[in-house]
Amino acid sequence: MYSYIARRLVFGALTIIGVSVMVFVVMRILPGDPLVAIFGPEGMTKLTEEQRASYMSELGLSDRCGCNTPTGCATSRTAISAAPSFAPKASPT
């Protein structure tokens, strides 16, 4: 009985790890722009290149691995708690 429970727990843990790895890989492979998902196609046409770069930097997407800090990925995890503002910034008219 204990071996059955242990086996089920091991297979459950392996399943969770396998699904997590597959989701991570699929999310990295799929094309798409996160800013289009946030602002929509119409909102993206209204953003300037400076605003786009600013949002990409705030979201941590300016670097391929998401580590846009000079010291590496370990310190960028602490910046996650500071929520970025997704509201479009007012452009001077």
N, C-alpha and C. Protein backbone atom coordinates (compact mmCIF):
# COMPACT_ATOMS: atom_id res chain seq x y z
N MET A 1 0.82 -1.19 0.00
CA MET A 1 0.00 0.00 0.00
C MET A 1 0.87 1.26 0.00
N TYR A 2 1.92 1.27 0.84
CA TYR A 2 2.80 2.44 0.91
C TYR A 2 3.58 2.62 -0.39
N SER A 3 3.96 1.54 -1.02
CA SER A 3 4.68 1.66 -2.29
C SER A 3 3.77 2.24 -3.37
N TYR A 4 2.50 1.91 -3.35
CA TYR A 4 1.55 2.46 -4.31
C TYR A 4 1.41 3.96 -4.12
N ILE A 5 1.29 4.42 -2.87
CA ILE A 5 1.16 5.85 -2.58
C ILE A 5 2.44 6.59 -2.97
N ALA A 6 3.59 6.00 -2.63
CA ALA A 6 4.87 6.62 -2.98
C ALA A 6 5.03 6.72 -4.49
N ARG A 7 4.65 5.67 -5.20
CA ARG A 7 4.75 5.67 -6.65
C ARG A 7 3.84 6.74 -7.26
N ARG A 8 2.62 6.87 -6.74
CA ARG A 8 1.69 7.88 -7.24
C ARG A 8 2.21 9.30 -6.97
N LEU A 9 2.80 9.51 -5.80
CA LEU A 9 3.36 10.83 -5.47
C LEU A 9 4.54 11.18 -6.39
N VAL A 10 5.39 10.20 -6.66
CA VAL A 10 6.54 10.43 -7.55
C VAL A 10 6.04 10.75 -8.96
N PHE A 11 5.10 9.96 -9.46
CA PHE A 11 4.57 10.23 -10.80
C PHE A 11 3.83 11.56 -10.85
N GLY A 12 3.15 11.93 -9.80
CA GLY A 12 2.48 13.23 -9.75
C GLY A 12 3.48 14.38 -9.80
N ALA A 13 4.57 14.26 -9.04
CA ALA A 13 5.60 15.29 -9.04
C ALA A 13 6.27 15.38 -10.41
N LEU A 14 6.56 14.24 -11.02
CA LEU A 14 7.15 14.24 -12.35
C LEU A 14 6.21 14.86 -13.38
N THR A 15 4.93 14.61 -13.24
CA THR A 15 3.95 15.20 -14.16
C THR A 15 3.92 16.71 -14.02
N ILE A 16 3.93 17.21 -12.80
CA ILE A 16 3.92 18.66 -12.58
C ILE A 16 5.19 19.29 -13.16
N ILE A 17 6.33 18.69 -12.93
CA ILE A 17 7.59 19.21 -13.47
C ILE A 17 7.57 19.17 -15.00
N GLY A 18 7.11 18.06 -15.57
CA GLY A 18 7.05 17.94 -17.03
C GLY A 18 6.13 18.96 -17.67
N VAL A 19 4.97 19.16 -17.09
CA VAL A 19 4.03 20.15 -17.63
C VAL A 19 4.61 21.55 -17.50
N SER A 20 5.27 21.85 -16.40
CA SER A 20 5.87 23.17 -16.21
C SER A 20 6.94 23.43 -17.26
N VAL A 21 7.77 22.45 -17.53
CA VAL A 21 8.83 22.60 -18.53
C VAL A 21 8.22 22.79 -19.92
N MET A 22 7.20 22.00 -20.24
CA MET A 22 6.57 22.13 -21.55
C MET A 22 5.92 23.50 -21.74
N VAL A 23 5.24 24.00 -20.73
CA VAL A 23 4.61 25.32 -20.82
C VAL A 23 5.67 26.40 -20.99
N PHE A 24 6.77 26.31 -20.25
CA PHE A 24 7.85 27.28 -20.37
C PHE A 24 8.42 27.28 -21.78
N VAL A 25 8.69 26.09 -22.32
CA VAL A 25 9.27 25.99 -23.67
C VAL A 25 8.30 26.54 -24.71
N VAL A 26 7.04 26.18 -24.61
CA VAL A 26 6.05 26.65 -25.58
C VAL A 26 5.92 28.17 -25.52
N MET A 27 5.92 28.75 -24.33
CA MET A 27 5.79 30.19 -24.19
C MET A 27 7.01 30.91 -24.77
N ARG A 28 8.18 30.31 -24.71
CA ARG A 28 9.39 30.91 -25.27
C ARG A 28 9.42 30.78 -26.79
N ILE A 29 8.83 29.72 -27.33
CA ILE A 29 8.89 29.46 -28.77
C ILE A 29 7.84 30.26 -29.53
N LEU A 30 6.64 30.40 -28.98
CA LEU A 30 5.55 31.06 -29.69
C LEU A 30 5.88 32.52 -30.00
N PRO A 31 5.54 32.95 -31.21
CA PRO A 31 5.76 34.36 -31.53
C PRO A 31 4.68 35.23 -30.91
N GLY A 32 4.97 36.49 -30.82
CA GLY A 32 3.98 37.41 -30.27
C GLY A 32 4.65 38.50 -29.47
N ASP A 33 3.98 39.60 -29.34
CA ASP A 33 4.50 40.74 -28.61
C ASP A 33 3.64 40.96 -27.38
N PRO A 34 4.21 40.95 -26.19
CA PRO A 34 3.41 41.16 -24.98
C PRO A 34 2.72 42.52 -24.95
N LEU A 35 3.32 43.52 -25.56
CA LEU A 35 2.69 44.83 -25.56
C LEU A 35 1.43 44.85 -26.42
N VAL A 36 1.39 44.05 -27.47
CA VAL A 36 0.17 43.93 -28.27
C VAL A 36 -0.92 43.26 -27.44
N ALA A 37 -0.54 42.30 -26.62
CA ALA A 37 -1.52 41.64 -25.75
C ALA A 37 -2.07 42.61 -24.71
N ILE A 38 -1.25 43.55 -24.24
CA ILE A 38 -1.70 44.50 -23.22
C ILE A 38 -2.52 45.63 -23.84
N PHE A 39 -1.99 46.25 -24.90
CA PHE A 39 -2.62 47.45 -25.47
C PHE A 39 -3.54 47.16 -26.65
N GLY A 40 -3.41 45.98 -27.25
CA GLY A 40 -4.19 45.69 -28.44
C GLY A 40 -3.53 46.28 -29.67
N PRO A 41 -3.95 45.83 -30.85
CA PRO A 41 -3.31 46.34 -32.07
C PRO A 41 -3.51 47.84 -32.28
N GLU A 42 -4.64 48.37 -31.88
CA GLU A 42 -4.89 49.80 -32.07
C GLU A 42 -4.01 50.63 -31.13
N GLY A 43 -3.83 50.16 -29.91
CA GLY A 43 -3.01 50.89 -28.95
C GLY A 43 -1.55 50.91 -29.33
N MET A 44 -1.08 49.87 -29.99
CA MET A 44 0.33 49.81 -30.36
C MET A 44 0.67 50.80 -31.45
N THR A 45 -0.28 51.15 -32.30
CA THR A 45 0.01 52.12 -33.36
C THR A 45 0.16 53.53 -32.79
N LYS A 46 -0.39 53.77 -31.60
CA LYS A 46 -0.32 55.09 -31.00
C LYS A 46 0.91 55.29 -30.13
N LEU A 47 1.64 54.20 -29.81
CA LEU A 47 2.83 54.31 -28.98
C LEU A 47 4.02 54.75 -29.82
N THR A 48 4.82 55.65 -29.27
CA THR A 48 6.07 56.02 -29.93
C THR A 48 7.12 54.98 -29.58
N GLU A 49 8.24 55.05 -30.28
CA GLU A 49 9.33 54.10 -30.00
C GLU A 49 9.87 54.30 -28.59
N GLU A 50 9.89 55.53 -28.10
CA GLU A 50 10.36 55.80 -26.74
C GLU A 50 9.43 55.17 -25.71
N GLN A 51 8.12 55.32 -25.92
CA GLN A 51 7.14 54.72 -25.01
C GLN A 51 7.23 53.20 -25.05
N ARG A 52 7.38 52.65 -26.25
CA ARG A 52 7.51 51.20 -26.39
C ARG A 52 8.74 50.68 -25.64
N ALA A 53 9.87 51.36 -25.81
CA ALA A 53 11.09 50.96 -25.11
C ALA A 53 10.93 51.09 -23.60
N SER A 54 10.21 52.14 -23.16
CA SER A 54 9.98 52.33 -21.74
C SER A 54 9.15 51.20 -21.15
N TYR A 55 8.06 50.82 -21.85
CA TYR A 55 7.22 49.73 -21.37
C TYR A 55 7.98 48.40 -21.38
N MET A 56 8.77 48.17 -22.42
CA MET A 56 9.55 46.94 -22.48
C MET A 56 10.55 46.88 -21.33
N SER A 57 11.14 48.01 -20.98
CA SER A 57 12.07 48.06 -19.87
C SER A 57 11.36 47.84 -18.54
N GLU A 58 10.18 48.47 -18.35
CA GLU A 58 9.43 48.31 -17.11
C GLU A 58 9.00 46.87 -16.89
N LEU A 59 8.65 46.18 -17.98
CA LEU A 59 8.19 44.80 -17.87
C LEU A 59 9.34 43.81 -17.83
N GLY A 60 10.57 44.29 -18.00
CA GLY A 60 11.72 43.39 -17.99
C GLY A 60 11.86 42.61 -19.28
N LEU A 61 11.37 43.15 -20.39
CA LEU A 61 11.40 42.45 -21.66
C LEU A 61 12.43 43.01 -22.62
N SER A 62 13.27 43.92 -22.16
CA SER A 62 14.25 44.52 -23.04
C SER A 62 15.43 43.59 -23.30
N ASP A 63 15.60 42.59 -22.46
CA ASP A 63 16.66 41.61 -22.64
C ASP A 63 16.02 40.25 -22.89
N ARG A 64 16.65 39.40 -23.67
CA ARG A 64 16.05 38.12 -24.04
C ARG A 64 15.71 37.24 -22.84
N CYS A 65 16.59 37.20 -21.86
CA CYS A 65 16.32 36.34 -20.70
C CYS A 65 15.53 37.06 -19.62
N GLY A 66 15.21 38.33 -19.82
CA GLY A 66 14.46 39.08 -18.82
C GLY A 66 15.33 39.68 -17.74
N CYS A 67 16.65 39.63 -17.94
CA CYS A 67 17.59 40.15 -16.94
C CYS A 67 18.16 41.46 -17.43
N ASN A 68 17.46 42.54 -17.23
CA ASN A 68 17.96 43.82 -17.71
C ASN A 68 18.68 44.60 -16.63
N THR A 69 19.17 43.91 -15.62
CA THR A 69 19.96 44.57 -14.59
C THR A 69 21.43 44.23 -14.83
N PRO A 70 22.35 45.12 -14.48
CA PRO A 70 23.76 44.86 -14.74
C PRO A 70 24.32 43.70 -13.92
N THR A 71 23.70 43.37 -12.79
CA THR A 71 24.24 42.31 -11.94
C THR A 71 23.64 40.95 -12.25
N GLY A 72 22.65 40.85 -13.13
CA GLY A 72 22.14 39.56 -13.53
C GLY A 72 20.74 39.27 -13.04
N CYS A 73 20.29 38.05 -13.27
CA CYS A 73 18.91 37.65 -13.01
C CYS A 73 18.56 37.61 -11.53
N ALA A 74 19.50 37.28 -10.67
CA ALA A 74 19.18 37.10 -9.25
C ALA A 74 18.64 38.37 -8.62
N THR A 75 19.18 39.52 -9.00
CA THR A 75 18.71 40.76 -8.39
C THR A 75 17.47 41.30 -9.07
N SER A 76 17.19 40.87 -10.30
CA SER A 76 16.01 41.39 -10.99
C SER A 76 14.73 40.79 -10.41
N ARG A 77 14.83 39.70 -9.69
CA ARG A 77 13.64 39.09 -9.09
C ARG A 77 13.05 39.97 -7.98
N THR A 78 13.89 40.76 -7.34
CA THR A 78 13.39 41.63 -6.28
C THR A 78 12.58 42.79 -6.84
N ALA A 79 12.79 43.12 -8.10
CA ALA A 79 12.07 44.22 -8.71
C ALA A 79 10.67 43.81 -9.16
N ILE A 80 10.33 42.53 -9.06
CA ILE A 80 9.02 42.06 -9.49
C ILE A 80 7.93 42.64 -8.62
N SER A 81 8.23 42.88 -7.36
CA SER A 81 7.20 43.40 -6.46
C SER A 81 6.76 44.81 -6.83
N ALA A 82 7.63 45.56 -7.51
CA ALA A 82 7.25 46.90 -7.95
C ALA A 82 6.44 46.77 -9.23
N ALA A 83 5.14 46.90 -9.13
CA ALA A 83 4.27 46.70 -10.29
C ALA A 83 4.41 47.85 -11.27
N PRO A 84 4.63 47.53 -12.55
CA PRO A 84 4.74 48.59 -13.54
C PRO A 84 3.38 49.18 -13.87
N SER A 85 3.38 50.40 -14.32
CA SER A 85 2.14 51.06 -14.73
C SER A 85 1.86 50.72 -16.18
N PHE A 86 0.67 50.14 -16.45
CA PHE A 86 0.32 49.77 -17.81
C PHE A 86 -0.48 50.86 -18.51
N ALA A 87 -0.82 51.91 -17.83
CA ALA A 87 -1.60 52.98 -18.44
C ALA A 87 -0.71 53.76 -19.40
N PRO A 88 -1.21 54.06 -20.58
CA PRO A 88 -0.41 54.85 -21.53
C PRO A 88 -0.08 56.22 -20.94
N LYS A 89 1.15 56.62 -21.15
CA LYS A 89 1.58 57.91 -20.65
C LYS A 89 1.05 59.00 -21.57
N ALA A 90 0.71 60.12 -20.98
CA ALA A 90 0.16 61.23 -21.76
C ALA A 90 1.25 61.80 -22.63
N SER A 91 0.97 61.91 -23.92
CA SER A 91 1.94 62.48 -24.84
C SER A 91 1.68 63.97 -24.98
N PRO A 92 2.75 64.76 -25.06
CA PRO A 92 2.55 66.20 -25.21
C PRO A 92 1.94 66.51 -26.58
N THR A 93 0.93 67.33 -26.58
CA THR A 93 0.26 67.67 -27.85
C THR A 93 0.48 69.11 -28.23
